[in-house]
Amino acid sequence: MLERAGISAVLALLGLVLLLAAAALRGGTPSALRFWMDPWYENWQAERVVLLGIPLAGAALLCAAAIAAPVESSVPRLLGIGGLVVLCVPGLYFLLAFLPLPGFLYPRWARLIRAGRAQRLQMLRGRGLHR
């Protein structure tokens, strides 16, 4: 019983740390935390990991903590399993790299950087410098 409580606590703590890290990276304050959003070229892997991967991993760890919780009731386990089922949809979207990330996932400051990149690319294409 004590062993399950420890495992559940560690999983919950790791999940919370990942969710806090994702929130800090998404917030981008201080500006050093904006490294994943380069203004000159698209780093789709870093953007995908910060916007989907880290939050999904954190949420999945919280669901696993609920499943491993040493409680008499089966409600936390059912909620954890339901949460993992719900997380399958964004998880599949994360794994399908050919699907572009929708703009609403990006914070406002990152959408401005994306718009600037698109504008520069449009200018380069207009000059015939980029295919």
Protein backbone atom coordinates (compact mmCIF):
# COMPACT_ATOMS: atom_id res chain seq x y z
CA MET A 1 0.00 0.00 0.00
CA LEU A 2 2.79 2.40 0.93
CA GLU A 3 4.70 1.43 -2.20
CA ARG A 4 1.72 2.29 -4.43
CA ALA A 5 1.31 5.62 -2.67
CA GLY A 6 4.96 6.43 -3.34
CA ILE A 7 4.69 5.49 -6.99
CA SER A 8 1.53 7.54 -7.36
CA ALA A 9 3.14 10.55 -5.67
CA VAL A 10 6.23 10.37 -7.88
CA LEU A 11 4.12 10.11 -11.03
CA ALA A 12 1.98 13.05 -9.96
CA LEU A 13 5.04 15.13 -9.11
CA LEU A 14 6.68 14.40 -12.46
CA GLY A 15 3.45 15.21 -14.27
CA LEU A 16 3.12 18.52 -12.47
CA VAL A 17 6.75 19.41 -13.21
CA LEU A 18 6.21 18.72 -16.91
CA LEU A 19 3.01 20.77 -16.98
CA LEU A 20 4.74 23.67 -15.22
CA ALA A 21 7.65 23.47 -17.67
CA ALA A 22 5.23 23.49 -20.60
CA ALA A 23 3.42 26.52 -19.16
CA ALA A 24 6.72 28.37 -18.67
CA LEU A 25 7.88 27.60 -22.23
CA ARG A 26 4.51 28.60 -23.61
CA GLY A 27 4.52 31.85 -21.65
CA GLY A 28 7.96 32.74 -22.99
CA THR A 29 8.89 35.00 -20.09
CA PRO A 30 11.81 35.62 -19.74
CA SER A 31 12.64 35.79 -23.42
CA ALA A 32 15.26 33.04 -23.04
CA LEU A 33 12.35 30.60 -22.81
CA ARG A 34 11.35 31.50 -26.37
CA PHE A 35 14.25 29.51 -27.83
CA TRP A 36 11.86 26.99 -29.35
CA MET A 37 10.29 29.63 -31.61
CA ASP A 38 13.02 30.79 -33.98
CA PRO A 39 12.14 33.98 -35.91
CA TRP A 40 14.16 32.98 -39.00
CA TYR A 41 13.22 29.38 -39.70
CA GLU A 42 10.59 26.89 -38.62
CA ASN A 43 11.77 24.27 -36.14
CA TRP A 44 8.65 22.14 -36.36
CA GLN A 45 10.00 19.44 -34.05
CA ALA A 46 10.69 21.83 -31.17
CA GLU A 47 7.35 23.57 -31.68
CA ARG A 48 5.51 20.24 -31.70
CA VAL A 49 7.26 19.03 -28.55
CA VAL A 50 6.64 22.26 -26.60
CA LEU A 51 3.02 22.72 -27.69
CA LEU A 52 1.86 19.10 -27.61
CA GLY A 53 4.51 16.65 -26.39
CA ILE A 54 5.42 18.02 -22.98
CA PRO A 55 1.83 18.85 -21.92
CA LEU A 56 0.62 15.45 -23.13
CA ALA A 57 3.35 13.64 -21.20
CA GLY A 58 2.55 15.63 -18.06
CA ALA A 59 -1.17 14.95 -18.33
CA ALA A 60 -0.54 11.25 -19.02
CA LEU A 61 1.63 11.02 -15.89
CA LEU A 62 -1.14 12.62 -13.84
CA CYS A 63 -3.60 10.07 -15.23
CA ALA A 64 -1.17 7.26 -14.39
CA ALA A 65 -0.87 8.66 -10.86
CA ALA A 66 -4.66 8.54 -10.51
CA ILE A 67 -4.69 4.94 -11.72
CA ALA A 68 -1.90 3.94 -9.31
CA ALA A 69 -3.44 5.76 -6.33
CA PRO A 70 -4.04 3.43 -3.38
CA VAL A 71 -7.68 4.25 -2.72
CA GLU A 72 -10.66 2.04 -1.98
CA SER A 73 -12.87 3.65 -4.60
CA SER A 74 -12.50 2.87 -8.28
CA VAL A 75 -13.45 6.43 -9.32
CA PRO A 76 -9.85 7.75 -9.58
CA ARG A 77 -8.86 4.76 -11.69
CA LEU A 78 -11.81 5.25 -14.02
CA LEU A 79 -11.05 8.97 -14.33
CA GLY A 80 -7.39 8.19 -15.04
CA ILE A 81 -8.30 5.66 -17.72
CA GLY A 82 -10.83 8.06 -19.23
CA GLY A 83 -8.20 10.80 -19.25
CA LEU A 84 -5.72 8.55 -21.04
CA VAL A 85 -8.35 7.66 -23.63
CA VAL A 86 -9.08 11.34 -24.22
CA LEU A 87 -5.33 12.06 -24.49
CA CYS A 88 -5.05 9.54 -27.34
CA VAL A 89 -6.50 12.03 -29.84
CA PRO A 90 -3.92 14.82 -29.34
CA GLY A 91 -1.29 12.11 -28.88
CA LEU A 92 -1.99 10.74 -32.34
CA TYR A 93 -1.94 14.26 -33.74
CA PHE A 94 1.45 14.74 -32.10
CA LEU A 95 2.80 11.58 -33.71
CA LEU A 96 1.50 12.39 -37.21
CA ALA A 97 4.23 14.86 -38.10
CA PHE A 98 2.85 15.64 -41.56
CA LEU A 99 -0.17 17.36 -40.00
CA PRO A 100 0.53 21.05 -39.35
CA LEU A 101 -0.12 22.43 -35.90
CA PRO A 102 -3.20 24.65 -35.80
CA GLY A 103 -2.60 28.31 -35.00
CA PHE A 104 -4.73 28.30 -31.84
CA LEU A 105 -2.15 26.09 -30.10
CA TYR A 106 0.44 28.85 -30.31
CA PRO A 107 0.56 31.65 -27.74
CA ARG A 108 0.04 35.18 -29.06
CA TRP A 109 3.75 36.05 -29.11
CA ALA A 110 4.52 32.89 -31.11
CA ARG A 111 1.75 33.63 -33.61
CA LEU A 112 3.41 37.00 -34.26
CA ILE A 113 6.73 35.27 -34.93
CA ARG A 114 5.01 32.80 -37.28
CA ALA A 115 3.38 35.65 -39.17
CA GLY A 116 6.76 37.37 -39.54
CA ARG A 117 8.32 34.16 -40.87
CA ALA A 118 5.50 33.73 -43.37
CA GLN A 119 5.84 37.33 -44.50
CA ARG A 120 9.61 36.95 -45.03
CA LEU A 121 9.06 33.72 -46.95
CA GLN A 122 6.47 35.42 -49.15
CA MET A 123 8.95 38.23 -49.89
CA LEU A 124 11.66 35.72 -50.79
CA ARG A 125 9.30 33.84 -53.09
CA GLY A 126 8.32 37.12 -54.74
CA ARG A 127 11.99 37.78 -55.50
CA GLY A 128 12.53 34.24 -56.77
CA LEU A 129 14.99 33.42 -54.00
CA HIS A 130 13.03 30.54 -52.51
CA ARG A 131 11.10 27.73 -54.12
